[in-house]
Every structure is written in structure tokens, then in C-alpha cells.
Amino acid sequence: LIPVVTLGTLQFGQLLSGAVLTEQVFGIPGFGKMIVDGVFGRDYAVVQAVVMCAAAFFLFMSLAADLAYAALSPKIQR
């Protein structure tokens, strides 16, 4: 069950990175469109903020995976 938790949390990260392509193709406003517009407009503050939010999301998902490991396996709690 531990590998399922690991892959599940990694899939959320891929979902976030795949949003850039989906938002550009379908014209949906979101983080992907925001970062692409920021890069092309040379708005470094926007790019930095979006990258920081994505990094915080990955860190949160990693923490959630670690907490799920502890809940699923008593040996990991120590």
C-alpha cells in the first residue's frame, strides 16, 4: 500500500505540471496560462510566485505522503 501512496502523491505533481499544456490548448485561465504569460511578458515576479506556489504544493504533498506512511505502517512511526 505504501507504493500506491507514493505514486498517488507524484500524480498530483504531474497534474499540476500538465495543466500548463491543457490551459494553453483550451484557453482556460489558471496557473499554466499565468506562468506562460509571465515568461513571455518578462514579468519575473509572476513567474517566481507561480514557481514558489508549485514548490509549496510539492512540499505539502510530500508531507501528506509521509503522514500517510505513518498512518498505514506502524513500523514507520518510530
Protein backbone atom coordinates (compact mmCIF):
# COMPACT_ATOMS: atom_id res chain seq x y z
CA LEU A 1 0.00 0.00 0.00
CA ILE A 2 2.99 2.30 0.53
CA PRO A 3 3.88 2.39 -3.21
CA VAL A 4 0.29 3.37 -4.01
CA VAL A 5 0.58 6.37 -1.67
CA THR A 6 3.90 7.34 -3.26
CA LEU A 7 2.56 7.15 -6.80
CA GLY A 8 -0.63 8.95 -5.81
CA THR A 9 1.24 11.95 -4.46
CA LEU A 10 3.53 12.05 -7.51
CA GLN A 11 0.48 12.01 -9.79
CA PHE A 12 -0.78 15.22 -8.17
CA GLY A 13 2.52 16.86 -9.11
CA GLN A 14 2.17 15.72 -12.69
CA LEU A 15 -1.39 17.00 -12.71
CA LEU A 16 -0.12 20.45 -11.80
CA SER A 17 2.61 20.43 -14.46
CA GLY A 18 0.27 19.05 -17.12
CA ALA A 19 -2.11 21.92 -16.50
CA VAL A 20 0.19 24.28 -18.41
CA LEU A 21 -0.34 22.47 -21.71
CA THR A 22 -4.06 21.91 -21.14
CA GLU A 23 -4.69 25.54 -20.24
CA GLN A 24 -2.76 26.78 -23.27
CA VAL A 25 -4.56 24.47 -25.70
CA PHE A 26 -8.08 25.19 -24.43
CA GLY A 27 -7.52 28.81 -23.38
CA ILE A 28 -8.53 28.22 -19.77
CA PRO A 29 -7.17 30.81 -17.32
CA GLY A 30 -5.10 29.35 -14.50
CA PHE A 31 -1.57 28.80 -13.21
CA GLY A 32 -0.37 27.46 -16.55
CA LYS A 33 -1.60 30.44 -18.54
CA MET A 34 -0.32 32.78 -15.83
CA ILE A 35 3.23 31.41 -15.95
CA VAL A 36 3.35 31.35 -19.77
CA ASP A 37 2.10 34.94 -19.94
CA GLY A 38 4.63 35.90 -17.26
CA VAL A 39 7.51 34.30 -19.16
CA PHE A 40 6.59 35.90 -22.48
CA GLY A 41 5.92 39.25 -20.81
CA ARG A 42 9.16 39.04 -18.80
CA ASP A 43 7.22 39.51 -15.57
CA TYR A 44 9.65 37.76 -13.26
CA ALA A 45 7.62 38.39 -10.10
CA VAL A 46 4.68 36.43 -11.51
CA VAL A 47 6.93 33.58 -12.66
CA GLN A 48 8.64 33.49 -9.28
CA ALA A 49 5.30 33.43 -7.45
CA VAL A 50 3.90 30.60 -9.56
CA VAL A 51 7.08 28.54 -9.18
CA MET A 52 7.00 29.17 -5.43
CA CYS A 53 3.36 28.02 -5.23
CA ALA A 54 4.19 24.88 -7.21
CA ALA A 55 7.15 24.12 -4.94
CA ALA A 56 4.98 24.63 -1.86
CA PHE A 57 2.40 22.26 -3.36
CA PHE A 58 5.05 19.58 -3.91
CA LEU A 59 6.33 20.02 -0.35
CA PHE A 60 2.80 19.74 1.03
CA MET A 61 2.16 16.57 -0.98
CA SER A 62 5.44 15.09 0.26
CA LEU A 63 4.41 15.85 3.84
CA ALA A 64 1.00 14.28 3.22
CA ALA A 65 2.68 11.14 1.86
CA ASP A 66 4.94 10.89 4.90
CA LEU A 67 1.99 11.27 7.25
CA ALA A 68 0.07 8.65 5.29
CA TYR A 69 3.05 6.28 5.59
CA ALA A 70 2.98 6.67 9.37
CA ALA A 71 -0.75 6.04 9.47
CA LEU A 72 -0.54 2.95 7.24
CA SER A 73 2.50 1.23 8.73
CA PRO A 74 3.15 1.09 12.48
CA LYS A 75 6.84 0.24 11.89
CA ILE A 76 7.43 3.61 10.21
CA GLN A 77 6.11 5.57 13.21
CA ARG A 78 9.34 5.04 15.15
